[in-house]
Amino acid sequence: MPFNDIKTERLENQRSIRLIENLGFVLSDSSYELFRGKEYLHNTYSLYIPQLI
């Protein structure tokens, strides 16, 4: 993968992360997953809903 493609992918990923965090999702877990013989960091986000009392 050319360097410019990697840079663009990271930028789009940062935009996606910012979007879901603005929608109320929070990082809830991280793990490494094997894909095509390589390990990649995989973040899991969950929707945070505060308790209303």
PDB file of N, CA and C in Angstrom:
ATOM      1  N   MET A   1       0.855  -1.177   0.000  1.00  0.00           N
ATOM      2  CA  MET A   1       0.000   0.000   0.000  1.00  0.00           C
ATOM      3  C   MET A   1       0.901   1.241   0.000  1.00  0.00           C
ATOM      4  N   PRO A   2       0.721   2.147  -0.931  1.00  0.00           N
ATOM      5  CA  PRO A   2       1.521   3.371  -0.959  1.00  0.00           C
ATOM      6  C   PRO A   2       1.301   4.221   0.280  1.00  0.00           C
ATOM      7  N   PHE A   3       2.324   5.008   0.635  1.00  0.00           N
ATOM      8  CA  PHE A   3       2.259   5.838   1.842  1.00  0.00           C
ATOM      9  C   PHE A   3       1.047   6.764   1.829  1.00  0.00           C
ATOM     10  N   ASN A   4       0.747   7.388   0.690  1.00  0.00           N
ATOM     11  CA  ASN A   4      -0.388   8.317   0.621  1.00  0.00           C
ATOM     12  C   ASN A   4      -1.698   7.628   0.961  1.00  0.00           C
ATOM     13  N   ASP A   5      -1.855   6.360   0.553  1.00  0.00           N
ATOM     14  CA  ASP A   5      -3.077   5.616   0.880  1.00  0.00           C
ATOM     15  C   ASP A   5      -3.178   5.364   2.373  1.00  0.00           C
ATOM     16  N   ILE A   6      -2.060   5.062   3.012  1.00  0.00           N
ATOM     17  CA  ILE A   6      -2.052   4.824   4.462  1.00  0.00           C
ATOM     18  C   ILE A   6      -2.438   6.111   5.186  1.00  0.00           C
ATOM     19  N   LYS A   7      -1.865   7.236   4.762  1.00  0.00           N
ATOM     20  CA  LYS A   7      -2.163   8.531   5.380  1.00  0.00           C
ATOM     21  C   LYS A   7      -3.646   8.870   5.244  1.00  0.00           C
ATOM     22  N   THR A   8      -4.216   8.643   4.075  1.00  0.00           N
ATOM     23  CA  THR A   8      -5.635   8.915   3.844  1.00  0.00           C
ATOM     24  C   THR A   8      -6.510   8.007   4.692  1.00  0.00           C
ATOM     25  N   GLU A   9      -6.129   6.740   4.799  1.00  0.00           N
ATOM     26  CA  GLU A   9      -6.904   5.785   5.598  1.00  0.00           C
ATOM     27  C   GLU A   9      -6.925   6.211   7.057  1.00  0.00           C
ATOM     28  N   ARG A  10      -5.781   6.633   7.586  1.00  0.00           N
ATOM     29  CA  ARG A  10      -5.727   7.076   8.985  1.00  0.00           C
ATOM     30  C   ARG A  10      -6.582   8.312   9.207  1.00  0.00           C
ATOM     31  N   LEU A  11      -6.549   9.245   8.258  1.00  0.00           N
ATOM     32  CA  LEU A  11      -7.347  10.452   8.369  1.00  0.00           C
ATOM     33  C   LEU A  11      -8.829  10.115   8.387  1.00  0.00           C
ATOM     34  N   GLU A  12      -9.273   9.244   7.493  1.00  0.00           N
ATOM     35  CA  GLU A  12     -10.672   8.844   7.463  1.00  0.00           C
ATOM     36  C   GLU A  12     -11.053   8.117   8.737  1.00  0.00           C
ATOM     37  N   ASN A  13     -10.136   7.298   9.274  1.00  0.00           N
ATOM     38  CA  ASN A  13     -10.405   6.584  10.513  1.00  0.00           C
ATOM     39  C   ASN A  13     -10.570   7.577  11.668  1.00  0.00           C
ATOM     40  N   GLN A  14      -9.734   8.614  11.721  1.00  0.00           N
ATOM     41  CA  GLN A  14      -9.853   9.625  12.778  1.00  0.00           C
ATOM     42  C   GLN A  14     -11.185  10.358  12.672  1.00  0.00           C
ATOM     43  N   ARG A  15     -11.624  10.621  11.471  1.00  0.00           N
ATOM     44  CA  ARG A  15     -12.920  11.279  11.285  1.00  0.00           C
ATOM     45  C   ARG A  15     -14.054  10.375  11.763  1.00  0.00           C
ATOM     46  N   SER A  16     -13.951   9.090  11.483  1.00  0.00           N
ATOM     47  CA  SER A  16     -14.975   8.132  11.924  1.00  0.00           C
ATOM     48  C   SER A  16     -15.013   8.050  13.438  1.00  0.00           C
ATOM     49  N   ILE A  17     -13.842   8.009  14.059  1.00  0.00           N
ATOM     50  CA  ILE A  17     -13.765   7.938  15.524  1.00  0.00           C
ATOM     51  C   ILE A  17     -14.384   9.185  16.138  1.00  0.00           C
ATOM     52  N   ARG A  18     -14.053  10.344  15.617  1.00  0.00           N
ATOM     53  CA  ARG A  18     -14.597  11.596  16.134  1.00  0.00           C
ATOM     54  C   ARG A  18     -16.122  11.619  15.986  1.00  0.00           C
ATOM     55  N   LEU A  19     -16.624  11.134  14.851  1.00  0.00           N
ATOM     56  CA  LEU A  19     -18.073  11.104  14.616  1.00  0.00           C
ATOM     57  C   LEU A  19     -18.776  10.233  15.648  1.00  0.00           C
ATOM     58  N   ILE A  20     -18.308   9.002  15.853  1.00  0.00           N
ATOM     59  CA  ILE A  20     -19.016   8.126  16.793  1.00  0.00           C
ATOM     60  C   ILE A  20     -18.884   8.616  18.231  1.00  0.00           C
ATOM     61  N   GLU A  21     -17.743   9.241  18.566  1.00  0.00           N
ATOM     62  CA  GLU A  21     -17.616   9.801  19.910  1.00  0.00           C
ATOM     63  C   GLU A  21     -18.573  10.974  20.096  1.00  0.00           C
ATOM     64  N   ASN A  22     -18.767  11.779  19.061  1.00  0.00           N
ATOM     65  CA  ASN A  22     -19.729  12.890  19.143  1.00  0.00           C
ATOM     66  C   ASN A  22     -21.166  12.386  19.258  1.00  0.00           C
ATOM     67  N   LEU A  23     -21.419  11.173  18.795  1.00  0.00           N
ATOM     68  CA  LEU A  23     -22.755  10.573  18.887  1.00  0.00           C
ATOM     69  C   LEU A  23     -22.993   9.870  20.223  1.00  0.00           C
ATOM     70  N   GLY A  24     -21.980   9.882  21.114  1.00  0.00           N
ATOM     71  CA  GLY A  24     -22.145   9.326  22.447  1.00  0.00           C
ATOM     72  C   GLY A  24     -21.487   7.976  22.668  1.00  0.00           C
ATOM     73  N   PHE A  25     -20.765   7.466  21.688  1.00  0.00           N
ATOM     74  CA  PHE A  25     -20.086   6.186  21.863  1.00  0.00           C
ATOM     75  C   PHE A  25     -18.765   6.398  22.591  1.00  0.00           C
ATOM     76  N   VAL A  26     -18.378   5.402  23.397  1.00  0.00           N
ATOM     77  CA  VAL A  26     -17.113   5.452  24.123  1.00  0.00           C
ATOM     78  C   VAL A  26     -16.325   4.181  23.834  1.00  0.00           C
ATOM     79  N   LEU A  27     -15.011   4.306  23.867  1.00  0.00           N
ATOM     80  CA  LEU A  27     -14.144   3.158  23.663  1.00  0.00           C
ATOM     81  C   LEU A  27     -14.339   2.196  24.827  1.00  0.00           C
ATOM     82  N   SER A  28     -14.728   0.963  24.533  1.00  0.00           N
ATOM     83  CA  SER A  28     -15.026   0.019  25.607  1.00  0.00           C
ATOM     84  C   SER A  28     -14.064  -1.165  25.649  1.00  0.00           C
ATOM     85  N   ASP A  29     -13.334  -1.407  24.556  1.00  0.00           N
ATOM     86  CA  ASP A  29     -12.424  -2.552  24.537  1.00  0.00           C
ATOM     87  C   ASP A  29     -11.459  -2.419  23.365  1.00  0.00           C
ATOM     88  N   SER A  30     -10.290  -2.989  23.518  1.00  0.00           N
ATOM     89  CA  SER A  30      -9.309  -3.070  22.433  1.00  0.00           C
ATOM     90  C   SER A  30      -8.707  -4.461  22.462  1.00  0.00           C
ATOM     91  N   SER A  31      -8.497  -5.010  21.276  1.00  0.00           N
ATOM     92  CA  SER A  31      -7.860  -6.322  21.183  1.00  0.00           C
ATOM     93  C   SER A  31      -7.178  -6.441  19.834  1.00  0.00           C
ATOM     94  N   TYR A  32      -6.259  -7.374  19.739  1.00  0.00           N
ATOM     95  CA  TYR A  32      -5.599  -7.638  18.468  1.00  0.00           C
ATOM     96  C   TYR A  32      -6.292  -8.800  17.789  1.00  0.00           C
ATOM     97  N   GLU A  33      -6.564  -8.644  16.505  1.00  0.00           N
ATOM     98  CA  GLU A  33      -7.207  -9.692  15.733  1.00  0.00           C
ATOM     99  C   GLU A  33      -6.323 -10.060  14.554  1.00  0.00           C
ATOM    100  N   LEU A  34      -6.291 -11.348  14.238  1.00  0.00           N
ATOM    101  CA  LEU A  34      -5.497 -11.852  13.134  1.00  0.00           C
ATOM    102  C   LEU A  34      -6.288 -11.740  11.839  1.00  0.00           C
ATOM    103  N   PHE A  35      -5.691 -11.095  10.820  1.00  0.00           N
ATOM    104  CA  PHE A  35      -6.332 -10.946   9.518  1.00  0.00           C
ATOM    105  C   PHE A  35      -5.274 -11.130   8.445  1.00  0.00           C
ATOM    106  N   ARG A  36      -5.468 -12.142   7.630  1.00  0.00           N
ATOM    107  CA  ARG A  36      -4.536 -12.456   6.545  1.00  0.00           C
ATOM    108  C   ARG A  36      -3.096 -12.564   7.025  1.00  0.00           C
ATOM    109  N   GLY A  37      -2.932 -13.216   8.156  1.00  0.00           N
ATOM    110  CA  GLY A  37      -1.603 -13.495   8.672  1.00  0.00           C
ATOM    111  C   GLY A  37      -0.958 -12.359   9.451  1.00  0.00           C
ATOM    112  N   LYS A  38      -1.650 -11.231   9.645  1.00  0.00           N
ATOM    113  CA  LYS A  38      -1.114 -10.111  10.411  1.00  0.00           C
ATOM    114  C   LYS A  38      -2.075  -9.767  11.534  1.00  0.00           C
ATOM    115  N   GLU A  39      -1.501  -9.294  12.642  1.00  0.00           N
ATOM    116  CA  GLU A  39      -2.330  -8.850  13.753  1.00  0.00           C
ATOM    117  C   GLU A  39      -2.610  -7.356  13.624  1.00  0.00           C
ATOM    118  N   TYR A  40      -3.866  -6.985  13.833  1.00  0.00           N
ATOM    119  CA  TYR A  40      -4.284  -5.596  13.764  1.00  0.00           C
ATOM    120  C   TYR A  40      -5.034  -5.236  15.036  1.00  0.00           C
ATOM    121  N   LEU A  41      -4.790  -4.021  15.525  1.00  0.00           N
ATOM    122  CA  LEU A  41      -5.512  -3.533  16.686  1.00  0.00           C
ATOM    123  C   LEU A  41      -6.955  -3.257  16.293  1.00  0.00           C
ATOM    124  N   HIS A  42      -7.896  -3.759  17.089  1.00  0.00           N
ATOM    125  CA  HIS A  42      -9.321  -3.588  16.825  1.00  0.00           C
ATOM    126  C   HIS A  42      -9.948  -2.944  18.056  1.00  0.00           C
ATOM    127  N   ASN A  43     -10.502  -1.758  17.885  1.00  0.00           N
ATOM    128  CA  ASN A  43     -11.170  -1.060  18.982  1.00  0.00           C
ATOM    129  C   ASN A  43     -12.670  -1.291  18.903  1.00  0.00           C
ATOM    130  N   THR A  44     -13.285  -1.505  20.055  1.00  0.00           N
ATOM    131  CA  THR A  44     -14.726  -1.693  20.131  1.00  0.00           C
ATOM    132  C   THR A  44     -15.322  -0.508  20.875  1.00  0.00           C
ATOM    133  N   TYR A  45     -16.352   0.085  20.309  1.00  0.00           N
ATOM    134  CA  TYR A  45     -17.036   1.218  20.914  1.00  0.00           C
ATOM    135  C   TYR A  45     -18.441   0.796  21.329  1.00  0.00           C
ATOM    136  N   SER A  46     -18.901   1.341  22.444  1.00  0.00           N
ATOM    137  CA  SER A  46     -20.249   1.070  22.945  1.00  0.00           C
ATOM    138  C   SER A  46     -20.952   2.398  23.182  1.00  0.00           C
ATOM    139  N   LEU A  47     -22.259   2.376  23.052  1.00  0.00           N
ATOM    140  CA  LEU A  47     -23.042   3.584  23.287  1.00  0.00           C
ATOM    141  C   LEU A  47     -23.173   3.824  24.776  1.00  0.00           C
ATOM    142  N   TYR A  48     -22.777   5.017  25.202  1.00  0.00           N
ATOM    143  CA  TYR A  48     -22.861   5.383  26.610  1.00  0.00           C
ATOM    144  C   TYR A  48     -24.170   6.110  26.846  1.00  0.00           C
ATOM    145  N   ILE A  49     -25.010   5.544  27.734  1.00  0.00           N
ATOM    146  CA  ILE A  49     -26.280   6.165  28.079  1.00  0.00           C
ATOM    147  C   ILE A  49     -26.274   6.391  29.593  1.00  0.00           C
ATOM    148  N   PRO A  50     -26.189   7.644  30.013  1.00  0.00           N
ATOM    149  CA  PRO A  50     -26.177   7.902  31.460  1.00  0.00           C
ATOM    150  C   PRO A  50     -27.508   7.559  32.093  1.00  0.00           C
ATOM    151  N   GLN A  51     -27.462   7.156  33.363  1.00  0.00           N
ATOM    152  CA  GLN A  51     -28.700   6.840  34.085  1.00  0.00           C
ATOM    153  C   GLN A  51     -29.441   8.136  34.431  1.00  0.00           C
ATOM    154  N   LEU A  52     -30.714   8.107  34.202  1.00  0.00           N
ATOM    155  CA  LEU A  52     -31.533   9.252  34.577  1.00  0.00           C
ATOM    156  C   LEU A  52     -32.296   8.908  35.849  1.00  0.00           C
ATOM    157  N   ILE A  53     -32.076   9.695  36.873  1.00  0.00           N
ATOM    158  CA  ILE A  53     -32.720   9.412  38.174  1.00  0.00           C
ATOM    159  C   ILE A  53     -33.708  10.513  38.491  1.00  0.00           C
TER     160      ILE A  53
END
